[in-house]
N, C-alpha and C. Protein backbone atom coordinates (compact mmCIF):
# COMPACT_ATOMS: atom_id res chain seq x y z
N MET A 1 0.73 -1.24 -0.06
CA MET A 1 -0.03 0.18 0.14
C MET A 1 0.88 1.21 0.02
N GLN A 2 0.74 1.98 -0.92
CA GLN A 2 1.68 3.19 -1.14
C GLN A 2 0.96 4.39 -0.27
N CYS A 3 1.66 5.28 0.09
CA CYS A 3 1.07 6.37 1.38
C CYS A 3 1.11 7.50 0.27
N ASN A 4 0.03 8.21 0.55
CA ASN A 4 -0.03 9.42 -0.35
C ASN A 4 0.82 10.58 -0.43
N GLY A 5 1.59 10.84 -1.45
CA GLY A 5 2.66 11.72 -1.23
C GLY A 5 3.77 11.18 -0.55
N LEU A 6 4.09 10.39 -0.30
CA LEU A 6 5.39 9.88 0.40
C LEU A 6 5.96 8.74 -0.46
N GLU A 7 6.99 8.79 -0.16
CA GLU A 7 8.27 7.63 -0.59
C GLU A 7 8.11 6.42 0.47
N GLY A 8 8.15 5.26 -0.14
CA GLY A 8 7.84 4.23 0.60
C GLY A 8 6.38 3.69 0.97
N ASP A 9 6.40 2.93 1.68
CA ASP A 9 4.95 2.50 2.07
C ASP A 9 4.50 2.55 3.12
N PHE A 10 3.31 2.12 3.66
CA PHE A 10 2.79 2.23 5.17
C PHE A 10 3.66 1.19 5.99
N LEU A 11 3.90 0.09 5.54
CA LEU A 11 4.61 -0.88 6.60
C LEU A 11 5.87 -0.48 7.09
N ALA A 12 6.53 0.55 5.88
CA ALA A 12 7.73 1.05 6.40
C ALA A 12 7.46 2.29 7.65
N LEU A 13 6.40 2.83 7.41
CA LEU A 13 6.34 3.79 8.14
C LEU A 13 5.93 3.39 9.52
N LEU A 14 5.01 2.29 9.59
CA LEU A 14 4.89 1.71 10.94
C LEU A 14 6.18 0.87 11.76
N ALA A 15 6.94 0.61 10.98
CA ALA A 15 8.39 -0.05 11.19
C ALA A 15 9.33 1.50 12.07
N GLU A 16 9.11 2.51 11.29
CA GLU A 16 9.93 3.71 11.81
C GLU A 16 9.09 4.00 13.14
N SER A 17 8.14 3.72 13.43
CA SER A 17 7.49 4.09 14.87
C SER A 17 8.16 3.53 16.26
N HIS A 18 9.48 2.46 15.71
CA HIS A 18 9.63 1.82 16.42
C HIS A 18 10.65 2.45 17.57
N GLY A 19 11.12 3.36 16.63
CA GLY A 19 12.38 4.59 16.94
C GLY A 19 11.93 5.81 17.82
N LEU A 20 10.50 5.86 17.96
CA LEU A 20 9.81 6.64 18.78
C LEU A 20 9.79 6.21 20.21
N ASN A 21 9.67 7.24 21.25
CA ASN A 21 9.58 6.92 22.73
C ASN A 21 7.69 6.65 22.77
N ALA A 22 7.20 5.43 22.92
CA ALA A 22 6.13 5.15 23.19
C ALA A 22 5.52 5.87 24.61
N ARG A 23 6.41 6.20 25.34
CA ARG A 23 5.67 6.57 26.75
C ARG A 23 5.31 7.90 26.19
N VAL A 24 5.62 8.78 25.23
CA VAL A 24 5.08 9.85 24.98
C VAL A 24 3.80 10.19 24.36
N PHE A 25 3.67 8.96 23.98
CA PHE A 25 2.02 9.07 23.31
C PHE A 25 0.88 8.86 24.21
N SER A 26 0.55 9.74 24.85
CA SER A 26 -0.97 10.22 25.34
C SER A 26 -1.29 11.73 24.79
N LEU A 27 -2.44 12.10 24.84
CA LEU A 27 -2.81 13.24 24.26
C LEU A 27 -2.28 14.19 25.04
N LEU A 28 -2.22 14.31 26.58
CA LEU A 28 -1.85 15.21 27.32
C LEU A 28 -0.20 15.25 27.27
N ARG A 29 0.48 14.47 26.99
CA ARG A 29 1.70 14.74 27.26
C ARG A 29 2.19 15.09 25.50
N LEU A 30 1.60 14.54 24.51
CA LEU A 30 1.75 15.29 23.37
C LEU A 30 1.39 16.85 23.49
N GLN A 31 0.33 17.15 23.83
CA GLN A 31 -0.08 18.67 24.30
C GLN A 31 0.94 19.32 25.20
N LEU A 32 1.49 18.78 25.99
CA LEU A 32 2.71 19.26 26.73
C LEU A 32 3.75 19.66 26.05
N LEU A 33 4.48 18.64 25.41
CA LEU A 33 5.70 18.53 24.67
C LEU A 33 5.42 20.14 23.61
N GLN A 34 4.13 20.08 22.74
CA GLN A 34 3.99 20.93 21.85
C GLN A 34 3.91 22.23 22.33
N GLY A 35 3.01 22.19 23.54
CA GLY A 35 2.96 23.78 24.00
C GLY A 35 4.29 24.27 24.44
N LEU A 36 5.20 23.47 25.21
CA LEU A 36 6.20 24.00 25.88
C LEU A 36 7.41 24.30 24.56
N ALA A 37 7.23 23.19 23.92
CA ALA A 37 8.25 23.42 22.58
C ALA A 37 8.05 24.88 21.97
N SER A 38 6.59 25.16 21.98
CA SER A 38 6.50 26.25 20.85
C SER A 38 7.03 27.58 21.62
N LEU A 39 6.71 27.46 22.98
CA LEU A 39 6.86 28.69 24.46
C LEU A 39 8.59 29.07 24.29
N GLY A 40 9.41 28.03 23.70
CA GLY A 40 10.70 28.15 23.85
C GLY A 40 11.20 28.10 25.45
N ARG A 41 12.42 28.68 25.42
CA ARG A 41 13.31 28.70 26.99
C ARG A 41 12.16 29.33 28.16
N ASP A 42 11.33 30.10 27.69
CA ASP A 42 10.46 31.33 28.52
C ASP A 42 9.70 29.92 29.28
N GLY A 43 9.17 29.01 28.74
CA GLY A 43 8.31 27.85 29.43
C GLY A 43 6.98 28.37 29.85
N ALA A 44 6.37 27.64 30.93
CA ALA A 44 4.72 28.04 31.52
C ALA A 44 4.83 27.83 32.86
N THR A 45 4.47 28.27 33.74
CA THR A 45 4.01 27.91 35.18
C THR A 45 3.16 26.77 35.11
N TYR A 46 2.93 26.34 36.07
CA TYR A 46 2.19 25.14 36.45
C TYR A 46 0.50 25.56 36.27
N ARG A 47 0.19 26.87 36.93
CA ARG A 47 -0.68 27.71 36.95
C ARG A 47 -1.31 27.63 35.23
N GLU A 48 -0.48 28.45 34.44
CA GLU A 48 -0.80 28.51 32.87
C GLU A 48 -0.90 27.15 32.51
N LEU A 49 -0.33 26.05 32.79
CA LEU A 49 -0.55 24.95 31.99
C LEU A 49 -1.89 24.26 32.12
N LYS A 50 -2.30 24.47 33.76
CA LYS A 50 -3.61 23.92 34.04
C LYS A 50 -4.68 24.48 33.41
N ALA A 51 -4.60 25.80 33.46
CA ALA A 51 -5.84 26.81 33.07
C ALA A 51 -5.84 26.52 31.47
N ALA A 52 -4.59 26.20 30.78
CA ALA A 52 -4.87 26.02 29.11
C ALA A 52 -5.05 24.61 28.80
N LEU A 53 -4.78 23.55 29.51
CA LEU A 53 -5.01 22.53 29.38
C LEU A 53 -6.64 21.79 29.99
N GLU A 54 -7.06 22.60 30.81
CA GLU A 54 -8.23 22.33 31.81
C GLU A 54 -8.13 20.86 32.29
N VAL A 55 -7.13 20.35 32.92
CA VAL A 55 -6.95 19.07 33.29
C VAL A 55 -6.86 19.11 34.82
N SER A 56 -7.05 17.84 35.71
CA SER A 56 -7.30 17.71 36.99
C SER A 56 -5.64 18.00 37.17
N ASP A 57 -5.37 18.61 38.63
CA ASP A 57 -4.25 18.53 39.16
C ASP A 57 -3.08 17.40 38.95
N GLY A 58 -3.92 16.27 39.33
CA GLY A 58 -3.12 14.99 39.40
C GLY A 58 -3.01 14.36 38.12
N ALA A 59 -3.83 14.80 36.92
CA ALA A 59 -3.24 14.42 35.41
C ALA A 59 -2.01 15.47 35.25
N LEU A 60 -2.50 16.30 35.40
CA LEU A 60 -0.96 17.38 35.21
C LEU A 60 0.03 16.98 35.52
N TYR A 61 0.36 17.11 36.81
CA TYR A 61 1.26 16.69 37.81
C TYR A 61 2.00 15.25 37.67
N ALA A 62 1.17 14.26 37.00
CA ALA A 62 1.77 13.05 36.95
C ALA A 62 2.23 13.02 35.49
N ASN A 63 1.87 13.91 34.38
CA ASN A 63 2.44 13.59 33.29
C ASN A 63 3.65 14.65 33.13
N LEU A 64 3.37 15.90 33.97
CA LEU A 64 4.77 16.45 33.89
C LEU A 64 5.85 15.65 34.40
N LYS A 65 5.49 15.19 35.75
CA LYS A 65 6.80 14.14 36.42
C LYS A 65 7.22 13.17 35.55
N ALA A 66 6.43 12.63 34.44
CA ALA A 66 6.82 11.43 33.72
C ALA A 66 7.59 11.88 32.36
N LEU A 67 7.35 13.23 32.01
CA LEU A 67 8.12 13.68 30.98
C LEU A 67 9.25 14.58 31.67
N ILE A 68 9.45 14.90 33.04
CA ILE A 68 10.72 15.26 33.45
C ILE A 68 11.63 14.25 33.81
N ALA A 69 10.80 13.03 34.12
CA ALA A 69 11.87 11.42 34.04
C ALA A 69 12.71 11.17 33.05
N MET A 70 11.76 11.48 31.99
CA MET A 70 12.36 10.97 30.50
C MET A 70 13.29 11.95 30.11
N GLY A 71 13.78 13.05 30.90
CA GLY A 71 14.53 14.23 30.24
C GLY A 71 13.93 14.87 29.50
N TYR A 72 12.40 15.16 29.03
CA TYR A 72 12.21 15.92 28.02
C TYR A 72 11.68 17.39 28.55
N LEU A 73 11.47 17.47 29.88
CA LEU A 73 10.97 18.94 30.49
C LEU A 73 12.00 19.09 31.86
N GLU A 74 12.31 20.30 32.31
CA GLU A 74 13.13 20.91 33.22
C GLU A 74 12.09 21.67 34.04
N PRO A 75 11.81 21.24 35.16
CA PRO A 75 11.16 22.35 36.25
C PRO A 75 12.27 23.33 36.62
N GLU A 76 11.98 24.66 36.88
CA GLU A 76 12.61 25.63 37.61
C GLU A 76 11.46 26.49 38.34
N LYS A 77 12.15 27.16 39.71
CA LYS A 77 11.29 28.16 40.39
C LYS A 77 11.53 29.16 40.08
N VAL A 78 10.26 29.84 39.66
CA VAL A 78 10.16 31.44 39.29
C VAL A 78 9.47 32.16 40.26
N SER A 79 9.62 33.37 40.36
CA SER A 79 9.21 34.36 41.20
C SER A 79 8.12 35.31 40.30
N VAL A 80 6.93 35.10 40.73
CA VAL A 80 5.92 36.00 40.28
C VAL A 80 4.89 36.61 41.15
N GLU A 81 4.80 38.03 41.21
CA GLU A 81 4.24 38.74 42.16
C GLU A 81 4.59 38.29 43.71
N ASN A 82 5.95 38.04 43.89
CA ASN A 82 6.31 37.69 45.28
C ASN A 82 5.84 36.69 45.62
N LYS A 83 5.38 35.57 44.38
CA LYS A 83 5.10 34.12 44.71
C LYS A 83 6.04 33.32 44.10
N GLU A 84 6.56 32.29 44.94
CA GLU A 84 7.51 31.26 44.13
C GLU A 84 6.33 30.22 43.24
N LEU A 85 6.81 30.10 42.05
CA LEU A 85 5.85 28.91 41.28
C LEU A 85 6.77 28.39 40.62
N GLU A 86 6.30 27.06 40.19
CA GLU A 86 6.76 26.06 39.26
C GLU A 86 6.86 26.35 37.83
N SER A 87 7.96 26.56 37.05
CA SER A 87 7.75 26.62 35.70
C SER A 87 8.30 25.48 35.10
N TYR A 88 7.85 25.44 33.89
CA TYR A 88 8.30 24.12 33.21
C TYR A 88 9.02 24.26 31.79
N ARG A 89 9.96 24.08 31.24
CA ARG A 89 10.26 24.21 29.81
C ARG A 89 10.92 23.13 29.38
N VAL A 90 10.87 22.91 27.90
CA VAL A 90 11.43 21.81 27.25
C VAL A 90 12.93 21.73 27.32
N THR A 91 13.55 20.46 27.71
CA THR A 91 14.79 20.48 27.23
C THR A 91 15.22 19.95 25.44
N PRO A 92 16.47 20.29 25.59
CA PRO A 92 16.83 20.10 24.12
C PRO A 92 16.48 18.62 23.62
N ALA A 93 16.51 17.68 24.58
CA ALA A 93 16.18 15.98 24.26
C ALA A 93 14.65 16.39 23.89
N GLY A 94 13.57 17.09 24.89
CA GLY A 94 12.52 17.07 24.58
C GLY A 94 12.14 17.59 23.22
N ASP A 95 12.70 18.63 22.92
CA ASP A 95 12.83 19.30 21.81
C ASP A 95 12.67 18.29 20.47
N GLY A 96 14.04 17.66 20.56
CA GLY A 96 14.07 16.62 19.53
C GLY A 96 13.34 15.63 19.56
N GLU A 97 12.74 15.34 20.48
CA GLU A 97 11.65 14.00 20.59
C GLU A 97 10.21 14.54 19.92
N TRP A 98 10.08 15.67 20.34
CA TRP A 98 8.63 16.39 19.90
C TRP A 98 8.94 16.44 18.40
N GLU A 99 10.12 17.19 17.68
CA GLU A 99 10.23 16.91 16.34
C GLU A 99 10.11 15.80 15.49
N ARG A 100 10.77 14.74 16.28
CA ARG A 100 10.75 13.19 15.69
C ARG A 100 9.13 12.62 15.65
N VAL A 101 8.56 12.96 16.82
CA VAL A 101 6.88 12.44 16.97
C VAL A 101 6.16 13.40 16.06
N ARG A 102 6.25 14.62 15.97
CA ARG A 102 5.42 15.57 14.96
C ARG A 102 5.59 15.01 13.82
N ASP A 103 6.81 14.89 13.40
CA ASP A 103 7.16 14.53 11.63
C ASP A 103 6.48 13.01 11.59
N TRP A 104 6.66 12.38 12.26
CA TRP A 104 5.99 11.12 12.00
C TRP A 104 4.64 10.76 12.20
N LEU A 105 4.16 12.03 13.03
CA LEU A 105 2.60 11.70 13.29
C LEU A 105 1.75 12.69 12.04
N CYS A 106 2.70 13.62 11.34
CA CYS A 106 2.15 13.96 10.22
C CYS A 106 2.27 13.07 8.80
N ARG A 107 3.22 12.31 8.90
CA ARG A 107 3.26 11.27 7.52
C ARG A 107 2.30 10.10 8.08
N PHE A 108 2.06 9.85 9.18
CA PHE A 108 1.26 8.68 9.53
C PHE A 108 -0.26 9.27 9.06
N CYS A 109 -0.76 10.55 9.45
CA CYS A 109 -2.05 11.19 8.82
C CYS A 109 -1.98 11.14 7.55
N GLU A 110 -0.99 11.38 6.95
CA GLU A 110 -1.09 11.56 5.30
C GLU A 110 -1.04 10.37 4.81
N CYS A 111 -0.76 9.18 5.25
CA CYS A 111 -1.06 8.08 4.71
C CYS A 111 -2.45 7.43 4.72
N GLY A 112 -3.09 7.65 5.76
CA GLY A 112 -4.43 7.63 6.00
C GLY A 112 -5.65 8.53 5.76
N GLY A 113 -5.02 9.57 5.29
CA GLY A 113 -5.69 10.97 5.03
C GLY A 113 -6.92 10.69 3.96
N ASP A 114 -6.60 9.90 3.11
CA ASP A 114 -7.63 9.49 1.65
C ASP A 114 -8.60 8.58 2.07
N ARG A 115 -8.32 7.81 3.10
CA ARG A 115 -8.99 6.35 3.25
C ARG A 115 -10.82 6.59 3.11
N ARG A 116 -11.32 7.74 4.06
CA ARG A 116 -12.74 7.68 3.83
C ARG A 116 -13.17 8.11 2.21
N ALA A 117 -12.40 8.82 1.51
CA ALA A 117 -12.81 9.40 0.12
C ALA A 117 -12.71 8.11 -0.57
N GLU A 118 -12.25 6.83 -0.37
CA GLU A 118 -12.40 5.77 -1.38
C GLU A 118 -13.67 5.15 -1.31
N PRO A 119 -14.31 4.59 -2.78
CA PRO A 119 -15.39 4.19 -2.54
C PRO A 119 -15.61 2.65 -1.85
């Protein structure tokens, strides 16, 4: 099966997925990596992430800790309005993993993009 607009086939694309970190593939972890990668070195505070993602404290905390343990995020204490807050930013390793995952997801979606249009 040829993928639309891609060199190679779908099986090769699936084989390539073995080089990705499967622990990153949850919606919240992908959202965290994408959002923090787009913010660059400034990162975001816990409060900002919680408000933007609209998730529970438990879910956010667990996923942030998992990404930190993988080496993809780094926490930092910042002072905002005389309050010490936890801020998070993507590491170079996290940025690299996000690029690999994003590129693979784009190609994966492109492979299946015309499936519904077939008779």
